Amino acid sequence: MGALVPSAENWFRELSTARRLVMEAGAIAMRFYQRDDLHISSKSGDEPVTAADHAVDEYLREGFSRAYPGYAVLTEESEDHPDRAGAERVWMIDPIDGTKEFVARNGEFCVMAGLTANGKPVLGVILHPVTGTLYYGGEGLGAHVQNGNTIRDLRASRRAALKEAVLALSRSHPSEVMRYAQEHWGCAEGIISGSAGLKAMLLALGRADVYAVPHGVKLWDLAAPHAILMAAGGKASDFRGEEIPYGVSDVLARHGVLFSNGLLHDVVLRELAKLPPRQPS
């Protein structure tokens, strides 16, 4: 079978499906969020997982599989299929991105679904269920944010000086790289948020300019925000400046992840190259 040729028409149809499913999944997440007992347990890495993670995961996995039976599906809480890495199109889903924030009930979590085609992120949908804010976009579709009936375009900032950059900082997973950036790059300020998807959307909104994670990031954390940020004029790579590999069997991004507003990407890569070497996770 030959390589699939991307088209804005295809992405629009798939984006419509993803928006619907993610919104429905967000309603499921909120029903769990409003309960007294979140049924919290632990998984590998001592990370929390809740009944909501499993319920939303199942809903989205089944929903995307029914809507697009010829596509592979990768989700955080389900077993990865051995054929997924070689699939031409893959839905990559994080049912509750920011489970620690969900458990803490601080509202900083989201539901994410991204589509990759031939190993490239082509569209993404991110819902912040607490506010109902929906971020979406992708190749040939632009990038947008919707609150109720109000829709506006997303556009990364035009800040080009590192000392003026605003950093997106993690609330629950502090990064030694971002601490170093605050101390040595002379950046103006930082914005703290929980979910990886919401931090990336700070860049798409133009509120922040740099989000760098040296380790521990999985493909389902990346596909949706990557596609939206690119459509908003931003840029993404690993710490070496190479493309993030989506069409591989390993779900862990082992060489770090850098999201930026685009204009600052090269200068940040040069700064990252000055850091002491570390062993890949």
Protein backbone atom coordinates (compact mmCIF):
# COMPACT_ATOMS: atom_id res chain seq x y z
CA MET A 1 0.00 0.00 0.00
CA GLY A 2 1.41 3.37 -0.99
CA ALA A 3 1.93 6.29 1.33
CA LEU A 4 -1.17 8.26 2.16
CA VAL A 5 -1.27 11.74 0.68
CA PRO A 6 -2.35 14.35 3.24
CA SER A 7 -5.23 16.58 2.30
CA ALA A 8 -7.00 19.31 4.20
CA GLU A 9 -10.33 17.67 3.30
CA ASN A 10 -9.32 14.43 5.02
CA TRP A 11 -8.06 16.23 8.08
CA PHE A 12 -11.24 18.27 8.36
CA ARG A 13 -13.41 15.15 8.43
CA GLU A 14 -11.20 13.48 11.00
CA LEU A 15 -10.93 16.66 13.05
CA SER A 16 -14.73 16.84 13.25
CA THR A 17 -14.84 13.29 14.59
CA ALA A 18 -12.05 13.98 17.08
CA ARG A 19 -13.74 17.13 18.37
CA ARG A 20 -16.99 15.26 18.98
CA LEU A 21 -15.38 12.30 20.72
CA VAL A 22 -13.11 14.42 22.88
CA MET A 23 -16.01 16.64 23.98
CA GLU A 24 -18.05 13.56 24.89
CA ALA A 25 -15.07 12.11 26.74
CA GLY A 26 -14.64 15.37 28.61
CA ALA A 27 -18.19 15.06 29.93
CA ILE A 28 -17.33 11.58 31.22
CA ALA A 29 -14.20 12.94 32.91
CA MET A 30 -16.19 15.66 34.64
CA ARG A 31 -18.73 13.18 36.02
CA PHE A 32 -15.86 11.36 37.73
CA TYR A 33 -14.19 14.63 38.78
CA GLN A 34 -17.30 15.68 40.66
CA ARG A 35 -17.48 12.47 42.70
CA ASP A 36 -16.21 12.19 46.26
CA ASP A 37 -14.20 9.02 45.54
CA LEU A 38 -11.88 9.15 42.51
CA HIS A 39 -10.80 5.48 42.96
CA ILE A 40 -7.09 6.27 42.82
CA SER A 41 -4.46 3.57 42.34
CA SER A 42 -0.84 3.52 41.18
CA LYS A 43 0.87 2.26 38.05
CA SER A 44 4.49 1.99 36.94
CA GLY A 45 6.67 4.89 38.03
CA ASP A 46 4.40 5.41 41.04
CA GLU A 47 2.12 7.55 38.87
CA PRO A 48 -1.54 7.83 39.92
CA VAL A 49 -4.32 6.42 37.79
CA THR A 50 -8.03 6.83 38.43
CA ALA A 51 -11.29 5.28 37.35
CA ALA A 52 -11.72 8.33 35.12
CA ASP A 53 -8.47 7.57 33.26
CA HIS A 54 -9.72 4.07 32.46
CA ALA A 55 -13.27 5.10 31.56
CA VAL A 56 -12.21 7.93 29.24
CA ASP A 57 -9.48 5.75 27.73
CA GLU A 58 -11.99 3.02 26.91
CA TYR A 59 -14.52 5.47 25.48
CA LEU A 60 -12.02 7.14 23.16
CA ARG A 61 -10.28 3.93 22.12
CA GLU A 62 -13.58 2.32 21.14
CA GLY A 63 -14.93 5.51 19.57
CA PHE A 64 -11.95 6.11 17.31
CA SER A 65 -11.69 2.42 16.42
CA ARG A 66 -15.34 2.38 15.30
CA ALA A 67 -15.06 5.64 13.38
CA TYR A 68 -11.78 4.72 11.66
CA PRO A 69 -11.33 0.93 11.74
CA GLY A 70 -8.35 1.09 9.38
CA TYR A 71 -6.32 3.29 11.74
CA ALA A 72 -4.25 2.19 14.72
CA VAL A 73 -4.99 3.58 18.18
CA LEU A 74 -2.45 4.24 20.92
CA THR A 75 -3.77 5.22 24.34
CA GLU A 76 -2.07 5.71 27.69
CA GLU A 77 -4.09 3.17 29.64
CA SER A 78 -4.39 0.37 27.06
CA GLU A 79 -1.89 -2.15 25.78
CA ASP A 80 0.03 -1.02 22.71
CA HIS A 81 -0.51 -3.19 19.62
CA PRO A 82 2.72 -4.53 18.04
CA ASP A 83 1.59 -3.38 14.57
CA ARG A 84 0.95 0.20 15.68
CA ALA A 85 4.47 1.47 14.90
CA GLY A 86 4.14 0.48 11.24
CA ALA A 87 0.64 1.86 10.76
CA GLU A 88 0.17 4.74 8.34
CA ARG A 89 -2.33 6.57 10.52
CA VAL A 90 -2.46 6.41 14.31
CA TRP A 91 -4.74 8.10 16.82
CA MET A 92 -2.67 8.94 19.92
CA ILE A 93 -4.80 9.54 22.99
CA ASP A 94 -4.17 10.76 26.51
CA PRO A 95 -7.49 10.27 28.34
CA ILE A 96 -6.57 12.41 31.34
CA ASP A 97 -3.43 14.45 30.74
CA GLY A 98 -2.47 15.69 34.17
CA THR A 99 -3.82 12.93 36.41
CA LYS A 100 -1.98 14.42 39.41
CA GLU A 101 -3.87 17.65 38.82
CA PHE A 102 -7.12 15.72 38.43
CA VAL A 103 -6.48 14.04 41.79
CA ALA A 104 -5.53 17.37 43.38
CA ARG A 105 -8.75 18.85 41.94
CA ASN A 106 -6.99 22.01 40.81
CA GLY A 107 -8.57 21.86 37.36
CA GLU A 108 -5.30 21.72 35.39
CA PHE A 109 -5.97 18.58 33.37
CA CYS A 110 -7.19 17.96 29.86
CA VAL A 111 -8.32 15.28 27.38
CA MET A 112 -6.19 14.94 24.24
CA ALA A 113 -6.40 13.15 20.91
CA GLY A 114 -3.88 13.57 18.09
CA LEU A 115 -3.55 11.96 14.70
CA THR A 116 -0.26 11.04 13.05
CA ALA A 117 0.11 10.14 9.38
CA ASN A 118 3.26 8.39 8.24
CA GLY A 119 4.94 9.30 11.51
CA LYS A 120 4.00 13.01 11.42
CA PRO A 121 1.46 14.76 13.67
CA VAL A 122 -1.27 16.18 11.44
CA LEU A 123 -4.10 17.19 13.77
CA GLY A 124 -4.88 17.55 17.42
CA VAL A 125 -7.77 18.23 19.77
CA ILE A 126 -7.33 19.23 23.42
CA LEU A 127 -10.23 19.86 25.79
CA HIS A 128 -9.94 21.58 29.15
CA PRO A 129 -13.09 20.05 30.67
CA VAL A 130 -13.33 22.34 33.70
CA THR A 131 -13.79 25.45 31.52
CA GLY A 132 -15.05 23.74 28.36
CA THR A 133 -12.22 25.34 26.37
CA LEU A 134 -11.44 23.40 23.20
CA TYR A 135 -8.15 23.75 21.32
CA TYR A 136 -7.87 22.20 17.87
CA GLY A 137 -6.04 22.41 14.57
CA GLY A 138 -3.57 20.80 12.29
CA GLU A 139 -2.09 20.60 8.83
CA GLY A 140 -4.10 22.72 6.41
CA LEU A 141 -6.63 23.57 9.13
CA GLY A 142 -5.04 26.38 11.11
CA ALA A 143 -5.17 26.44 14.90
CA HIS A 144 -8.16 27.59 16.92
CA VAL A 145 -9.53 27.88 20.44
CA GLN A 146 -13.24 27.71 21.21
CA ASN A 147 -15.11 28.87 24.30
CA GLY A 148 -18.83 28.34 23.90
CA ASN A 149 -19.80 29.92 20.59
CA THR A 150 -16.67 32.08 20.41
CA ILE A 151 -13.86 30.79 18.19
CA ARG A 152 -10.59 32.59 17.60
CA ASP A 153 -7.33 31.77 15.88
CA LEU A 154 -4.27 30.64 17.80
CA ARG A 155 -0.94 32.25 17.02
CA ALA A 156 2.43 31.70 18.68
CA SER A 157 4.19 34.81 19.95
CA ARG A 158 6.73 36.81 17.97
CA ARG A 159 9.19 37.21 20.84
CA ALA A 160 12.66 36.57 19.43
CA ALA A 161 14.98 37.49 22.32
CA LEU A 162 15.68 34.80 24.89
CA LYS A 163 15.71 37.28 27.76
CA GLU A 164 12.14 38.22 26.84
CA ALA A 165 10.93 34.62 26.66
CA VAL A 166 8.16 33.39 28.93
CA LEU A 167 8.67 29.80 30.12
CA ALA A 168 5.89 27.24 30.53
CA LEU A 169 6.65 25.51 33.83
CA SER A 170 5.31 22.27 35.26
CA ARG A 171 3.44 22.22 38.55
CA SER A 172 3.83 18.50 39.30
CA HIS A 173 6.93 17.52 37.31
CA PRO A 174 9.58 20.22 37.84
CA SER A 175 12.31 20.08 35.20
CA GLU A 176 15.99 20.65 35.90
CA VAL A 177 16.23 22.15 32.42
CA MET A 178 13.58 24.76 33.11
CA ARG A 179 15.12 25.56 36.49
CA TYR A 180 18.43 26.08 34.71
CA ALA A 181 16.70 28.29 32.14
CA GLN A 182 15.24 30.50 34.85
CA GLU A 183 18.63 30.89 36.49
CA HIS A 184 20.88 31.32 33.45
CA TRP A 185 18.93 32.42 30.38
CA GLY A 186 17.64 35.67 31.79
CA CYS A 187 14.06 34.85 30.82
CA ALA A 188 11.45 37.38 31.80
CA GLU A 189 8.99 35.13 33.60
CA GLY A 190 7.33 31.74 33.79
CA ILE A 191 3.76 30.44 33.88
CA ILE A 192 3.06 27.35 35.96
CA SER A 193 0.52 24.81 34.76
CA GLY A 194 -0.19 21.13 35.37
CA SER A 195 -1.00 19.26 32.18
CA ALA A 196 1.57 18.97 29.39
CA GLY A 197 -1.14 19.76 26.87
CA LEU A 198 -2.18 22.94 28.67
CA LYS A 199 1.43 24.08 28.92
CA ALA A 200 1.85 23.59 25.18
CA MET A 201 -1.35 25.55 24.59
CA LEU A 202 0.18 28.47 26.51
CA LEU A 203 2.61 28.63 23.58
CA ALA A 204 -0.16 28.31 20.98
CA LEU A 205 -2.00 31.17 22.71
CA GLY A 206 1.13 33.31 22.54
CA ARG A 207 1.29 33.60 26.34
CA ALA A 208 4.47 31.53 26.71
CA ASP A 209 7.37 30.85 24.36
CA VAL A 210 9.38 27.83 25.53
CA TYR A 211 8.43 24.47 27.03
CA ALA A 212 11.26 21.95 27.40
CA VAL A 213 11.10 18.49 28.98
CA PRO A 214 14.29 16.41 29.19
CA HIS A 215 12.71 13.01 29.85
CA GLY A 216 9.58 11.06 30.73
CA VAL A 217 7.37 12.31 27.89
CA LYS A 218 5.29 9.76 25.98
CA LEU A 219 3.91 9.94 22.44
CA TRP A 220 0.33 10.35 23.67
CA ASP A 221 1.51 13.45 25.58
CA LEU A 222 2.85 14.99 22.39
CA ALA A 223 0.87 14.27 19.23
CA ALA A 224 -2.11 16.57 19.81
CA PRO A 225 -0.25 19.61 21.19
CA HIS A 226 2.50 19.19 18.57
CA ALA A 227 0.01 19.37 15.70
CA ILE A 228 -1.84 22.35 17.15
CA LEU A 229 1.31 24.27 18.02
CA MET A 230 2.75 23.75 14.53
CA ALA A 231 -0.50 25.04 13.01
CA ALA A 232 -0.22 28.09 15.31
CA GLY A 233 3.24 28.89 13.95
CA GLY A 234 5.31 27.23 16.67
CA LYS A 235 7.91 24.52 16.41
CA ALA A 236 8.77 21.20 18.07
CA SER A 237 11.80 18.93 18.10
CA ASP A 238 13.87 16.82 20.44
CA PHE A 239 16.82 18.35 22.28
CA ARG A 240 19.10 17.50 19.35
CA GLY A 241 16.95 19.52 16.94
CA GLU A 242 15.67 16.36 15.26
CA GLU A 243 12.07 15.44 14.56
CA ILE A 244 10.15 13.72 17.33
CA PRO A 245 9.75 10.08 16.18
CA TYR A 246 6.10 9.01 16.24
CA GLY A 247 6.22 6.01 13.91
CA VAL A 248 8.35 3.89 16.24
CA SER A 249 7.61 1.11 18.71
CA ASP A 250 9.09 2.98 21.69
CA VAL A 251 6.43 5.27 23.17
CA LEU A 252 8.99 7.29 25.16
CA ALA A 253 10.62 10.39 23.66
CA ARG A 254 14.14 9.54 24.82
CA HIS A 255 15.97 12.66 23.66
CA GLY A 256 13.80 15.27 25.30
CA VAL A 257 11.10 17.49 23.83
CA LEU A 258 11.33 21.18 23.00
CA PHE A 259 8.23 23.18 22.10
CA SER A 260 8.78 26.83 21.19
CA ASN A 261 7.19 29.78 19.46
CA GLY A 262 9.42 29.00 16.46
CA LEU A 263 11.52 32.16 16.51
CA LEU A 264 13.36 31.06 19.66
CA HIS A 265 13.82 27.43 18.71
CA ASP A 266 17.39 27.54 17.39
CA VAL A 267 18.75 29.72 20.18
CA VAL A 268 17.17 27.46 22.80
CA LEU A 269 18.66 24.40 21.10
CA ARG A 270 22.09 26.03 21.32
CA GLU A 271 21.55 26.67 25.01
CA LEU A 272 20.39 23.11 25.59
CA ALA A 273 23.55 21.83 23.90
CA LYS A 274 25.57 23.53 26.65
CA LEU A 275 23.95 21.44 29.38
CA PRO A 276 25.92 18.53 30.87
CA PRO A 277 25.23 15.31 28.95
CA ARG A 278 22.78 12.86 30.47
CA GLN A 279 21.95 9.26 29.70
CA PRO A 280 18.68 8.76 27.77
CA SER A 281 15.83 7.44 29.92
